[in-house]
Amino acid sequence: MKLTKEIGISLGFLAGTTFGSGIAFLFRFQAYEVMASVALFGIAGAIAGLCVQQFIFNK
């Protein structure tokens, strides 16, 4: 399977939202804090996934 830009973003978003949800659970955040945590980590994960894809593709 080739790592394309779309796959890199999708996997990064999935990992980021999962991580953000786990952090929110551990810190026992309330509803708005959970949404903010999942959104921020999802965006960060998508950016990281894109960067990793670009790094591997340009190697």
N, C-alpha and C. Protein backbone atom coordinates (compact mmCIF):
# COMPACT_ATOMS: atom_id res chain seq x y z
N MET A 1 0.85 -1.18 0.00
CA MET A 1 0.00 0.00 0.00
C MET A 1 0.89 1.24 0.00
N LYS A 2 0.65 2.12 -0.94
CA LYS A 2 1.42 3.33 -1.04
C LYS A 2 0.86 4.39 -0.10
N LEU A 3 1.74 5.10 0.57
CA LEU A 3 1.33 6.14 1.51
C LEU A 3 1.10 7.43 0.73
N THR A 4 -0.16 7.73 0.45
CA THR A 4 -0.49 8.95 -0.27
C THR A 4 -0.80 10.07 0.71
N LYS A 5 -0.98 11.25 0.17
CA LYS A 5 -1.28 12.41 1.01
C LYS A 5 -2.58 12.22 1.78
N GLU A 6 -3.59 11.69 1.13
CA GLU A 6 -4.89 11.48 1.78
C GLU A 6 -4.80 10.45 2.90
N ILE A 7 -4.04 9.39 2.67
CA ILE A 7 -3.89 8.36 3.70
C ILE A 7 -3.10 8.91 4.88
N GLY A 8 -2.07 9.69 4.62
CA GLY A 8 -1.29 10.29 5.71
C GLY A 8 -2.13 11.20 6.58
N ILE A 9 -2.95 12.02 5.95
CA ILE A 9 -3.83 12.92 6.71
C ILE A 9 -4.87 12.11 7.48
N SER A 10 -5.45 11.11 6.85
CA SER A 10 -6.50 10.31 7.50
C SER A 10 -5.96 9.55 8.71
N LEU A 11 -4.81 8.91 8.55
CA LEU A 11 -4.24 8.16 9.66
C LEU A 11 -3.80 9.09 10.79
N GLY A 12 -3.25 10.24 10.44
CA GLY A 12 -2.87 11.21 11.45
C GLY A 12 -4.06 11.75 12.21
N PHE A 13 -5.15 12.03 11.49
CA PHE A 13 -6.38 12.51 12.13
C PHE A 13 -6.96 11.46 13.06
N LEU A 14 -6.97 10.21 12.60
CA LEU A 14 -7.48 9.11 13.43
C LEU A 14 -6.65 8.96 14.70
N ALA A 15 -5.34 8.97 14.56
CA ALA A 15 -4.47 8.84 15.73
C ALA A 15 -4.61 10.03 16.66
N GLY A 16 -4.72 11.23 16.11
CA GLY A 16 -4.85 12.43 16.92
C GLY A 16 -6.15 12.48 17.70
N THR A 17 -7.24 12.13 17.05
CA THR A 17 -8.52 12.15 17.76
C THR A 17 -8.59 11.07 18.83
N THR A 18 -8.00 9.92 18.55
CA THR A 18 -7.97 8.86 19.55
C THR A 18 -7.13 9.28 20.76
N PHE A 19 -5.98 9.89 20.49
CA PHE A 19 -5.12 10.37 21.57
C PHE A 19 -5.81 11.47 22.36
N GLY A 20 -6.46 12.39 21.67
CA GLY A 20 -7.18 13.47 22.35
C GLY A 20 -8.32 12.96 23.21
N SER A 21 -9.01 11.95 22.74
CA SER A 21 -10.09 11.35 23.52
C SER A 21 -9.54 10.66 24.77
N GLY A 22 -8.42 9.98 24.62
CA GLY A 22 -7.79 9.33 25.77
C GLY A 22 -7.32 10.32 26.81
N ILE A 23 -6.72 11.42 26.36
CA ILE A 23 -6.27 12.46 27.29
C ILE A 23 -7.48 13.06 28.02
N ALA A 24 -8.55 13.32 27.29
CA ALA A 24 -9.76 13.88 27.90
C ALA A 24 -10.34 12.92 28.94
N PHE A 25 -10.29 11.62 28.64
CA PHE A 25 -10.80 10.64 29.59
C PHE A 25 -9.93 10.60 30.85
N LEU A 26 -8.61 10.62 30.68
CA LEU A 26 -7.71 10.55 31.84
C LEU A 26 -7.84 11.77 32.74
N PHE A 27 -8.05 12.94 32.16
CA PHE A 27 -8.17 14.16 32.95
C PHE A 27 -9.62 14.46 33.35
N ARG A 28 -10.55 13.58 32.97
CA ARG A 28 -11.97 13.71 33.32
C ARG A 28 -12.55 15.07 32.90
N PHE A 29 -12.27 15.43 31.63
CA PHE A 29 -12.78 16.69 31.10
C PHE A 29 -14.29 16.65 30.96
N GLN A 30 -14.90 17.82 30.95
CA GLN A 30 -16.34 17.95 30.69
C GLN A 30 -16.56 18.05 29.18
N ALA A 31 -17.80 18.19 28.76
CA ALA A 31 -18.17 18.07 27.34
C ALA A 31 -17.40 19.03 26.42
N TYR A 32 -17.38 20.31 26.74
CA TYR A 32 -16.71 21.27 25.86
C TYR A 32 -15.21 21.06 25.84
N GLU A 33 -14.66 20.68 26.97
CA GLU A 33 -13.22 20.42 27.03
C GLU A 33 -12.85 19.19 26.22
N VAL A 34 -13.72 18.18 26.23
CA VAL A 34 -13.49 16.98 25.44
C VAL A 34 -13.51 17.32 23.95
N MET A 35 -14.51 18.09 23.53
CA MET A 35 -14.59 18.48 22.11
C MET A 35 -13.36 19.27 21.69
N ALA A 36 -12.92 20.19 22.53
CA ALA A 36 -11.75 20.99 22.21
C ALA A 36 -10.49 20.12 22.14
N SER A 37 -10.34 19.22 23.09
CA SER A 37 -9.18 18.33 23.11
C SER A 37 -9.14 17.44 21.88
N VAL A 38 -10.25 16.83 21.54
CA VAL A 38 -10.31 15.94 20.37
C VAL A 38 -10.06 16.75 19.09
N ALA A 39 -10.62 17.92 18.99
CA ALA A 39 -10.43 18.74 17.79
C ALA A 39 -8.97 19.18 17.64
N LEU A 40 -8.38 19.67 18.72
CA LEU A 40 -6.99 20.13 18.64
C LEU A 40 -6.02 19.00 18.32
N PHE A 41 -6.18 17.87 19.01
CA PHE A 41 -5.31 16.74 18.73
C PHE A 41 -5.57 16.14 17.35
N GLY A 42 -6.81 16.21 16.88
CA GLY A 42 -7.12 15.74 15.53
C GLY A 42 -6.44 16.58 14.46
N ILE A 43 -6.49 17.89 14.63
CA ILE A 43 -5.82 18.78 13.68
C ILE A 43 -4.31 18.59 13.73
N ALA A 44 -3.75 18.50 14.94
CA ALA A 44 -2.32 18.27 15.09
C ALA A 44 -1.91 16.94 14.47
N GLY A 45 -2.74 15.92 14.66
CA GLY A 45 -2.45 14.61 14.07
C GLY A 45 -2.50 14.63 12.55
N ALA A 46 -3.45 15.36 11.99
CA ALA A 46 -3.54 15.46 10.53
C ALA A 46 -2.32 16.17 9.96
N ILE A 47 -1.88 17.21 10.62
CA ILE A 47 -0.67 17.93 10.18
C ILE A 47 0.55 17.03 10.30
N ALA A 48 0.65 16.30 11.41
CA ALA A 48 1.77 15.39 11.60
C ALA A 48 1.76 14.27 10.56
N GLY A 49 0.57 13.73 10.26
CA GLY A 49 0.46 12.69 9.24
C GLY A 49 0.88 13.19 7.87
N LEU A 50 0.52 14.41 7.55
CA LEU A 50 0.93 15.01 6.27
C LEU A 50 2.43 15.21 6.23
N CYS A 51 3.02 15.66 7.33
CA CYS A 51 4.47 15.87 7.39
C CYS A 51 5.22 14.55 7.25
N VAL A 52 4.73 13.50 7.91
CA VAL A 52 5.37 12.19 7.81
C VAL A 52 5.27 11.67 6.38
N GLN A 53 4.13 11.84 5.76
CA GLN A 53 3.97 11.39 4.38
C GLN A 53 4.93 12.13 3.47
N GLN A 54 5.06 13.43 3.65
CA GLN A 54 5.97 14.21 2.81
C GLN A 54 7.42 13.80 3.06
N PHE A 55 7.76 13.52 4.31
CA PHE A 55 9.12 13.10 4.64
C PHE A 55 9.45 11.76 3.99
N ILE A 56 8.53 10.80 4.06
CA ILE A 56 8.76 9.48 3.47
C ILE A 56 8.76 9.57 1.94
N PHE A 57 7.84 10.36 1.39
CA PHE A 57 7.72 10.46 -0.07
C PHE A 57 8.94 11.14 -0.69
N ASN A 58 9.50 12.15 -0.02
CA ASN A 58 10.63 12.89 -0.56
C ASN A 58 11.98 12.25 -0.25
N LYS A 59 11.95 11.16 0.49
CA LYS A 59 13.20 10.50 0.88
C LYS A 59 13.85 9.80 -0.27
